[in-house]
Amino acid sequence: MDIKVIGTGCEKCGKLYDNVLEALKELGVEEKVERVDDLLEIVKLGVMTAPSLMVDGKLVVSGRIAKVDEIKRFLK
Protein backbone atom coordinates (compact mmCIF):
# COMPACT_ATOMS: atom_id res chain seq x y z
CA MET A 1 0.00 0.00 0.00
CA ASP A 2 1.31 3.45 -0.93
CA ILE A 3 0.24 6.07 1.64
CA LYS A 4 1.17 9.74 1.32
CA VAL A 5 0.33 12.63 3.64
CA ILE A 6 0.69 15.75 1.55
CA GLY A 7 1.30 19.25 2.87
CA THR A 8 3.95 21.83 3.56
CA GLY A 9 4.56 20.83 7.16
CA CYS A 10 1.82 22.85 8.85
CA GLU A 11 0.19 21.83 12.14
CA LYS A 12 -2.85 20.41 10.31
CA CYS A 13 -0.58 18.28 8.12
CA GLY A 14 1.11 16.90 11.23
CA LYS A 15 -2.25 16.05 12.79
CA LEU A 16 -3.37 14.21 9.63
CA TYR A 17 -0.09 12.27 9.66
CA ASP A 18 -0.63 11.32 13.31
CA ASN A 19 -4.20 10.21 12.55
CA VAL A 20 -2.96 8.00 9.70
CA LEU A 21 -0.41 6.36 12.00
CA GLU A 22 -3.11 5.78 14.64
CA ALA A 23 -5.46 4.28 12.05
CA LEU A 24 -2.76 1.87 10.90
CA LYS A 25 -2.01 0.92 14.49
CA GLU A 26 -5.69 0.26 15.25
CA LEU A 27 -5.96 -1.89 12.11
CA GLY A 28 -2.82 -3.81 13.08
CA VAL A 29 -1.19 -2.95 9.76
CA GLU A 30 2.45 -2.01 9.35
CA GLU A 31 2.91 0.29 6.38
CA LYS A 32 5.30 3.10 5.60
CA VAL A 33 3.65 6.52 5.48
CA GLU A 34 5.41 9.03 3.27
CA ARG A 35 5.27 12.73 4.09
CA VAL A 36 5.34 14.85 0.96
CA ASP A 37 6.24 18.43 1.84
CA ASP A 38 8.26 19.52 -1.18
CA LEU A 39 6.20 22.01 -3.17
CA LEU A 40 7.35 20.67 -6.55
CA GLU A 41 6.40 17.11 -5.57
CA ILE A 42 3.01 18.32 -4.32
CA VAL A 43 2.36 20.01 -7.67
CA LYS A 44 3.48 16.88 -9.56
CA LEU A 45 0.90 14.88 -7.58
CA GLY A 46 -1.77 17.37 -8.67
CA VAL A 47 -2.71 18.34 -5.13
CA MET A 48 -3.96 21.89 -4.65
CA THR A 49 -4.95 21.95 -0.97
CA ALA A 50 -3.31 20.80 2.22
CA PRO A 51 -3.43 18.69 4.17
CA SER A 52 -4.27 15.83 1.84
CA LEU A 53 -4.10 12.06 1.97
CA MET A 54 -3.32 9.84 -1.00
CA VAL A 55 -3.71 6.05 -0.87
CA ASP A 56 -2.39 3.98 -3.77
CA GLY A 57 -2.31 7.02 -6.05
CA LYS A 58 -5.88 8.08 -5.29
CA LEU A 59 -6.59 11.35 -3.46
CA VAL A 60 -8.98 10.37 -0.65
CA VAL A 61 -8.84 13.45 1.60
CA SER A 62 -8.15 17.00 0.52
CA GLY A 63 -7.98 20.22 2.49
CA ARG A 64 -8.94 18.86 5.90
CA ILE A 65 -7.91 16.62 8.78
CA ALA A 66 -9.64 13.25 8.46
CA LYS A 67 -10.60 11.45 11.65
CA VAL A 68 -9.00 8.12 12.53
CA ASP A 69 -12.19 6.10 11.86
CA GLU A 70 -12.56 7.67 8.41
CA ILE A 71 -8.94 6.93 7.54
CA LYS A 72 -9.40 3.31 8.63
CA ARG A 73 -12.14 2.93 6.01
CA PHE A 74 -9.78 4.17 3.29
CA LEU A 75 -7.05 1.77 4.39
CA LYS A 76 -9.15 -1.41 4.52
PDB file of N, CA and C in Angstrom:
ATOM      1  N   MET A   1       0.847  -1.169   0.000  1.00  0.00           N
ATOM      2  CA  MET A   1       0.000   0.000   0.000  1.00  0.00           C
ATOM      3  C   MET A   1       0.896   1.237   0.000  1.00  0.00           C
ATOM      4  N   ASP A   2       0.557   2.206  -0.827  1.00  0.00           N
ATOM      5  CA  ASP A   2       1.309   3.454  -0.933  1.00  0.00           C
ATOM      6  C   ASP A   2       0.489   4.562  -0.271  1.00  0.00           C
ATOM      7  N   ILE A   3       0.965   5.060   0.872  1.00  0.00           N
ATOM      8  CA  ILE A   3       0.242   6.073   1.642  1.00  0.00           C
ATOM      9  C   ILE A   3       1.081   7.334   1.702  1.00  0.00           C
ATOM     10  N   LYS A   4       0.465   8.455   1.294  1.00  0.00           N
ATOM     11  CA  LYS A   4       1.172   9.736   1.319  1.00  0.00           C
ATOM     12  C   LYS A   4       0.331  10.773   2.043  1.00  0.00           C
ATOM     13  N   VAL A   5       0.941  11.462   3.007  1.00  0.00           N
ATOM     14  CA  VAL A   5       0.334  12.626   3.635  1.00  0.00           C
ATOM     15  C   VAL A   5       0.997  13.829   2.989  1.00  0.00           C
ATOM     16  N   ILE A   6       0.178  14.674   2.389  1.00  0.00           N
ATOM     17  CA  ILE A   6       0.689  15.750   1.554  1.00  0.00           C
ATOM     18  C   ILE A   6       0.397  17.101   2.190  1.00  0.00           C
ATOM     19  N   GLY A   7       1.435  17.911   2.321  1.00  0.00           N
ATOM     20  CA  GLY A   7       1.297  19.252   2.868  1.00  0.00           C
ATOM     21  C   GLY A   7       2.658  19.842   3.146  1.00  0.00           C
ATOM     22  N   THR A   8       2.687  21.110   3.425  1.00  0.00           N
ATOM     23  CA  THR A   8       3.948  21.830   3.564  1.00  0.00           C
ATOM     24  C   THR A   8       4.507  21.833   4.982  1.00  0.00           C
ATOM     25  N   GLY A   9       4.013  20.941   5.821  1.00  0.00           N
ATOM     26  CA  GLY A   9       4.563  20.833   7.163  1.00  0.00           C
ATOM     27  C   GLY A   9       3.816  21.645   8.209  1.00  0.00           C
ATOM     28  N   CYS A  10       2.610  22.052   7.899  1.00  0.00           N
ATOM     29  CA  CYS A  10       1.820  22.846   8.848  1.00  0.00           C
ATOM     30  C   CYS A  10       1.298  21.958   9.981  1.00  0.00           C
ATOM     31  N   GLU A  11       0.725  22.567  10.985  1.00  0.00           N
ATOM     32  CA  GLU A  11       0.195  21.831  12.136  1.00  0.00           C
ATOM     33  C   GLU A  11      -0.902  20.854  11.714  1.00  0.00           C
ATOM     34  N   LYS A  12      -1.769  21.273  10.793  1.00  0.00           N
ATOM     35  CA  LYS A  12      -2.848  20.408  10.313  1.00  0.00           C
ATOM     36  C   LYS A  12      -2.284  19.193   9.579  1.00  0.00           C
ATOM     37  N   CYS A  13      -1.218  19.386   8.834  1.00  0.00           N
ATOM     38  CA  CYS A  13      -0.576  18.276   8.123  1.00  0.00           C
ATOM     39  C   CYS A  13      -0.019  17.266   9.118  1.00  0.00           C
ATOM     40  N   GLY A  14       0.575  17.772  10.186  1.00  0.00           N
ATOM     41  CA  GLY A  14       1.109  16.905  11.225  1.00  0.00           C
ATOM     42  C   GLY A  14       0.010  16.108  11.913  1.00  0.00           C
ATOM     43  N   LYS A  15      -1.131  16.735  12.141  1.00  0.00           N
ATOM     44  CA  LYS A  15      -2.255  16.052  12.785  1.00  0.00           C
ATOM     45  C   LYS A  15      -2.809  14.948  11.878  1.00  0.00           C
ATOM     46  N   LEU A  16      -2.913  15.230  10.573  1.00  0.00           N
ATOM     47  CA  LEU A  16      -3.375  14.205   9.635  1.00  0.00           C
ATOM     48  C   LEU A  16      -2.400  13.030   9.621  1.00  0.00           C
ATOM     49  N   TYR A  17      -1.115  13.323   9.620  1.00  0.00           N
ATOM     50  CA  TYR A  17      -0.088  12.271   9.656  1.00  0.00           C
ATOM     51  C   TYR A  17      -0.252  11.403  10.908  1.00  0.00           C
ATOM     52  N   ASP A  18      -0.429  12.051  12.060  1.00  0.00           N
ATOM     53  CA  ASP A  18      -0.626  11.317  13.314  1.00  0.00           C
ATOM     54  C   ASP A  18      -1.875  10.449  13.255  1.00  0.00           C
ATOM     55  N   ASN A  19      -2.954  10.974  12.668  1.00  0.00           N
ATOM     56  CA  ASN A  19      -4.199  10.213  12.551  1.00  0.00           C
ATOM     57  C   ASN A  19      -4.020   8.992  11.649  1.00  0.00           C
ATOM     58  N   VAL A  20      -3.241   9.136  10.591  1.00  0.00           N
ATOM     59  CA  VAL A  20      -2.964   8.001   9.702  1.00  0.00           C
ATOM     60  C   VAL A  20      -2.196   6.924  10.458  1.00  0.00           C
ATOM     61  N   LEU A  21      -1.186   7.332  11.223  1.00  0.00           N
ATOM     62  CA  LEU A  21      -0.411   6.362  12.002  1.00  0.00           C
ATOM     63  C   LEU A  21      -1.297   5.651  13.016  1.00  0.00           C
ATOM     64  N   GLU A  22      -2.195   6.387  13.665  1.00  0.00           N
ATOM     65  CA  GLU A  22      -3.108   5.782  14.641  1.00  0.00           C
ATOM     66  C   GLU A  22      -4.060   4.805  13.956  1.00  0.00           C
ATOM     67  N   ALA A  23      -4.560   5.166  12.786  1.00  0.00           N
ATOM     68  CA  ALA A  23      -5.464   4.283  12.046  1.00  0.00           C
ATOM     69  C   ALA A  23      -4.758   2.975  11.684  1.00  0.00           C
ATOM     70  N   LEU A  24      -3.528   3.070  11.231  1.00  0.00           N
ATOM     71  CA  LEU A  24      -2.758   1.869  10.895  1.00  0.00           C
ATOM     72  C   LEU A  24      -2.544   1.001  12.131  1.00  0.00           C
ATOM     73  N   LYS A  25      -2.231   1.655  13.244  1.00  0.00           N
ATOM     74  CA  LYS A  25      -2.007   0.924  14.493  1.00  0.00           C
ATOM     75  C   LYS A  25      -3.278   0.181  14.910  1.00  0.00           C
ATOM     76  N   GLU A  26      -4.430   0.870  14.852  1.00  0.00           N
ATOM     77  CA  GLU A  26      -5.692   0.257  15.246  1.00  0.00           C
ATOM     78  C   GLU A  26      -6.076  -0.908  14.325  1.00  0.00           C
ATOM     79  N   LEU A  27      -5.675  -0.818  13.057  1.00  0.00           N
ATOM     80  CA  LEU A  27      -5.957  -1.891  12.108  1.00  0.00           C
ATOM     81  C   LEU A  27      -4.949  -3.040  12.222  1.00  0.00           C
ATOM     82  N   GLY A  28      -3.856  -2.798  12.946  1.00  0.00           N
ATOM     83  CA  GLY A  28      -2.818  -3.810  13.077  1.00  0.00           C
ATOM     84  C   GLY A  28      -2.015  -3.987  11.801  1.00  0.00           C
ATOM     85  N   VAL A  29      -1.887  -2.915  11.043  1.00  0.00           N
ATOM     86  CA  VAL A  29      -1.193  -2.946   9.757  1.00  0.00           C
ATOM     87  C   VAL A  29       0.104  -2.140   9.874  1.00  0.00           C
ATOM     88  N   GLU A  30       1.184  -2.727   9.383  1.00  0.00           N
ATOM     89  CA  GLU A  30       2.452  -2.010   9.351  1.00  0.00           C
ATOM     90  C   GLU A  30       2.724  -1.567   7.923  1.00  0.00           C
ATOM     91  N   GLU A  31       2.637  -0.292   7.702  1.00  0.00           N
ATOM     92  CA  GLU A  31       2.906   0.295   6.384  1.00  0.00           C
ATOM     93  C   GLU A  31       3.720   1.560   6.573  1.00  0.00           C
ATOM     94  N   LYS A  32       4.540   1.857   5.603  1.00  0.00           N
ATOM     95  CA  LYS A  32       5.299   3.099   5.602  1.00  0.00           C
ATOM     96  C   LYS A  32       4.360   4.223   5.149  1.00  0.00           C
ATOM     97  N   VAL A  33       4.432   5.341   5.854  1.00  0.00           N
ATOM     98  CA  VAL A  33       3.646   6.521   5.481  1.00  0.00           C
ATOM     99  C   VAL A  33       4.635   7.595   5.048  1.00  0.00           C
ATOM    100  N   GLU A  34       4.508   8.022   3.810  1.00  0.00           N
ATOM    101  CA  GLU A  34       5.414   9.032   3.266  1.00  0.00           C
ATOM    102  C   GLU A  34       4.831  10.423   3.491  1.00  0.00           C
ATOM    103  N   ARG A  35       5.669  11.331   3.961  1.00  0.00           N
ATOM    104  CA  ARG A  35       5.267  12.732   4.090  1.00  0.00           C
ATOM    105  C   ARG A  35       5.818  13.470   2.875  1.00  0.00           C
ATOM    106  N   VAL A  36       4.929  14.085   2.140  1.00  0.00           N
ATOM    107  CA  VAL A  36       5.338  14.854   0.956  1.00  0.00           C
ATOM    108  C   VAL A  36       5.166  16.325   1.301  1.00  0.00           C
ATOM    109  N   ASP A  37       6.312  17.018   1.486  1.00  0.00           N
ATOM    110  CA  ASP A  37       6.240  18.429   1.842  1.00  0.00           C
ATOM    111  C   ASP A  37       6.987  19.341   0.869  1.00  0.00           C
ATOM    112  N   ASP A  38       7.581  18.739  -0.148  1.00  0.00           N
ATOM    113  CA  ASP A  38       8.264  19.518  -1.178  1.00  0.00           C
ATOM    114  C   ASP A  38       7.228  20.057  -2.160  1.00  0.00           C
ATOM    115  N   LEU A  39       7.215  21.367  -2.352  1.00  0.00           N
ATOM    116  CA  LEU A  39       6.196  22.011  -3.172  1.00  0.00           C
ATOM    117  C   LEU A  39       6.164  21.472  -4.604  1.00  0.00           C
ATOM    118  N   LEU A  40       7.315  21.200  -5.183  1.00  0.00           N
ATOM    119  CA  LEU A  40       7.351  20.667  -6.546  1.00  0.00           C
ATOM    120  C   LEU A  40       6.724  19.275  -6.610  1.00  0.00           C
ATOM    121  N   GLU A  41       6.997  18.443  -5.613  1.00  0.00           N
ATOM    122  CA  GLU A  41       6.402  17.111  -5.570  1.00  0.00           C
ATOM    123  C   GLU A  41       4.887  17.199  -5.382  1.00  0.00           C
ATOM    124  N   ILE A  42       4.447  18.133  -4.549  1.00  0.00           N
ATOM    125  CA  ILE A  42       3.010  18.315  -4.324  1.00  0.00           C
ATOM    126  C   ILE A  42       2.317  18.689  -5.627  1.00  0.00           C
ATOM    127  N   VAL A  43       2.923  19.598  -6.372  1.00  0.00           N
ATOM    128  CA  VAL A  43       2.360  20.008  -7.668  1.00  0.00           C
ATOM    129  C   VAL A  43       2.349  18.842  -8.643  1.00  0.00           C
ATOM    130  N   LYS A  44       3.420  18.055  -8.677  1.00  0.00           N
ATOM    131  CA  LYS A  44       3.476  16.881  -9.563  1.00  0.00           C
ATOM    132  C   LYS A  44       2.356  15.894  -9.265  1.00  0.00           C
ATOM    133  N   LEU A  45       1.984  15.788  -7.974  1.00  0.00           N
ATOM    134  CA  LEU A  45       0.900  14.883  -7.582  1.00  0.00           C
ATOM    135  C   LEU A  45      -0.475  15.462  -7.931  1.00  0.00           C
ATOM    136  N   GLY A  46      -0.508  16.742  -8.302  1.00  0.00           N
ATOM    137  CA  GLY A  46      -1.773  17.372  -8.673  1.00  0.00           C
ATOM    138  C   GLY A  46      -2.622  17.796  -7.495  1.00  0.00           C
ATOM    139  N   VAL A  47      -1.986  17.962  -6.342  1.00  0.00           N
ATOM    140  CA  VAL A  47      -2.713  18.341  -5.130  1.00  0.00           C
ATOM    141  C   VAL A  47      -2.683  19.857  -4.980  1.00  0.00           C
ATOM    142  N   MET A  48      -3.860  20.439  -4.745  1.00  0.00           N
ATOM    143  CA  MET A  48      -3.960  21.894  -4.655  1.00  0.00           C
ATOM    144  C   MET A  48      -4.228  22.398  -3.237  1.00  0.00           C
ATOM    145  N   THR A  49      -4.667  21.516  -2.334  1.00  0.00           N
ATOM    146  CA  THR A  49      -4.953  21.950  -0.966  1.00  0.00           C
ATOM    147  C   THR A  49      -4.287  21.012   0.032  1.00  0.00           C
ATOM    148  N   ALA A  50      -3.951  21.591   1.168  1.00  0.00           N
ATOM    149  CA  ALA A  50      -3.307  20.802   2.218  1.00  0.00           C
ATOM    150  C   ALA A  50      -4.118  20.952   3.498  1.00  0.00           C
ATOM    151  N   PRO A  51      -4.091  19.978   4.350  1.00  0.00           N
ATOM    152  CA  PRO A  51      -3.429  18.688   4.173  1.00  0.00           C
ATOM    153  C   PRO A  51      -4.254  17.760   3.292  1.00  0.00           C
ATOM    154  N   SER A  52      -3.599  16.809   2.683  1.00  0.00           N
ATOM    155  CA  SER A  52      -4.272  15.830   1.838  1.00  0.00           C
ATOM    156  C   SER A  52      -3.702  14.452   2.117  1.00  0.00           C
ATOM    157  N   LEU A  53      -4.505  13.444   1.789  1.00  0.00           N
ATOM    158  CA  LEU A  53      -4.096  12.056   1.968  1.00  0.00           C
ATOM    159  C   LEU A  53      -4.308  11.315   0.662  1.00  0.00           C
ATOM    160  N   MET A  54      -3.269  10.630   0.227  1.00  0.00           N
ATOM    161  CA  MET A  54      -3.323   9.844  -0.998  1.00  0.00           C
ATOM    162  C   MET A  54      -3.028   8.390  -0.641  1.00  0.00           C
ATOM    163  N   VAL A  55      -3.895   7.483  -1.108  1.00  0.00           N
ATOM    164  CA  VAL A  55      -3.711   6.053  -0.871  1.00  0.00           C
ATOM    165  C   VAL A  55      -3.687   5.362  -2.228  1.00  0.00           C
ATOM    166  N   ASP A  56      -2.579   4.687  -2.502  1.00  0.00           N
ATOM    167  CA  ASP A  56      -2.390   3.976  -3.771  1.00  0.00           C
ATOM    168  C   ASP A  56      -2.683   4.857  -4.982  1.00  0.00           C
ATOM    169  N   GLY A  57      -2.182   6.102  -4.927  1.00  0.00           N
ATOM    170  CA  GLY A  57      -2.313   7.020  -6.048  1.00  0.00           C
ATOM    171  C   GLY A  57      -3.651   7.725  -6.164  1.00  0.00           C
ATOM    172  N   LYS A  58      -4.564   7.458  -5.248  1.00  0.00           N
ATOM    173  CA  LYS A  58      -5.883   8.085  -5.285  1.00  0.00           C
ATOM    174  C   LYS A  58      -6.007   9.081  -4.138  1.00  0.00           C
ATOM    175  N   LEU A  59      -6.395  10.312  -4.467  1.00  0.00           N
ATOM    176  CA  LEU A  59      -6.590  11.348  -3.462  1.00  0.00           C
ATOM    177  C   LEU A  59      -7.888  11.056  -2.716  1.00  0.00           C
ATOM    178  N   VAL A  60      -7.795  10.746  -1.419  1.00  0.00           N
ATOM    179  CA  VAL A  60      -8.978  10.366  -0.646  1.00  0.00           C
ATOM    180  C   VAL A  60      -9.422  11.444   0.336  1.00  0.00           C
ATOM    181  N   VAL A  61      -8.516  12.333   0.713  1.00  0.00           N
ATOM    182  CA  VAL A  61      -8.838  13.450   1.597  1.00  0.00           C
ATOM    183  C   VAL A  61      -8.089  14.665   1.078  1.00  0.00           C
ATOM    184  N   SER A  62      -8.792  15.795   1.021  1.00  0.00           N
ATOM    185  CA  SER A  62      -8.151  17.000   0.518  1.00  0.00           C
ATOM    186  C   SER A  62      -8.631  18.222   1.302  1.00  0.00           C
ATOM    187  N   GLY A  63      -7.677  18.959   1.846  1.00  0.00           N
ATOM    188  CA  GLY A  63      -7.984  20.224   2.492  1.00  0.00           C
ATOM    189  C   GLY A  63      -8.558  20.139   3.892  1.00  0.00           C
ATOM    190  N   ARG A  64      -8.406  18.984   4.536  1.00  0.00           N
ATOM    191  CA  ARG A  64      -8.937  18.859   5.904  1.00  0.00           C
ATOM    192  C   ARG A  64      -8.229  17.731   6.641  1.00  0.00           C
ATOM    193  N   ILE A  65      -8.468  17.687   7.949  1.00  0.00           N
ATOM    194  CA  ILE A  65      -7.911  16.622   8.776  1.00  0.00           C
ATOM    195  C   ILE A  65      -8.976  15.538   8.906  1.00  0.00           C
ATOM    196  N   ALA A  66      -8.709  14.378   8.354  1.00  0.00           N
ATOM    197  CA  ALA A  66      -9.640  13.251   8.459  1.00  0.00           C
ATOM    198  C   ALA A  66      -9.493  12.607   9.833  1.00  0.00           C
ATOM    199  N   LYS A  67     -10.609  12.139  10.365  1.00  0.00           N
ATOM    200  CA  LYS A  67     -10.596  11.454  11.652  1.00  0.00           C
ATOM    201  C   LYS A  67     -10.074  10.029  11.464  1.00  0.00           C
ATOM    202  N   VAL A  68      -9.611   9.447  12.554  1.00  0.00           N
ATOM    203  CA  VAL A  68      -9.003   8.120  12.525  1.00  0.00           C
ATOM    204  C   VAL A  68      -9.959   7.087  11.931  1.00  0.00           C
ATOM    205  N   ASP A  69     -11.225   7.086  12.361  1.00  0.00           N
ATOM    206  CA  ASP A  69     -12.188   6.103  11.857  1.00  0.00           C
ATOM    207  C   ASP A  69     -12.397   6.231  10.353  1.00  0.00           C
ATOM    208  N   GLU A  70     -12.416   7.453   9.854  1.00  0.00           N
ATOM    209  CA  GLU A  70     -12.564   7.671   8.413  1.00  0.00           C
ATOM    210  C   GLU A  70     -11.347   7.132   7.659  1.00  0.00           C
ATOM    211  N   ILE A  71     -10.179   7.393   8.174  1.00  0.00           N
ATOM    212  CA  ILE A  71      -8.938   6.926   7.544  1.00  0.00           C
ATOM    213  C   ILE A  71      -8.903   5.402   7.521  1.00  0.00           C
ATOM    214  N   LYS A  72      -9.362   4.772   8.584  1.00  0.00           N
ATOM    215  CA  LYS A  72      -9.398   3.310   8.633  1.00  0.00           C
ATOM    216  C   LYS A  72     -10.225   2.742   7.486  1.00  0.00           C
ATOM    217  N   ARG A  73     -11.314   3.404   7.135  1.00  0.00           N
ATOM    218  CA  ARG A  73     -12.144   2.931   6.010  1.00  0.00           C
ATOM    219  C   ARG A  73     -11.365   2.996   4.699  1.00  0.00           C
ATOM    220  N   PHE A  74     -10.565   4.036   4.529  1.00  0.00           N
ATOM    221  CA  PHE A  74      -9.782   4.173   3.291  1.00  0.00           C
ATOM    222  C   PHE A  74      -8.677   3.123   3.210  1.00  0.00           C
ATOM    223  N   LEU A  75      -8.198   2.678   4.360  1.00  0.00           N
ATOM    224  CA  LEU A  75      -7.048   1.767   4.394  1.00  0.00           C
ATOM    225  C   LEU A  75      -7.442   0.301   4.360  1.00  0.00           C
ATOM    226  N   LYS A  76      -8.703   0.001   4.517  1.00  0.00           N
ATOM    227  CA  LYS A  76      -9.155  -1.409   4.515  1.00  0.00           C
ATOM    228  C   LYS A  76      -9.163  -1.968   3.112  1.00  0.00           C
TER     229      LYS A  76
END
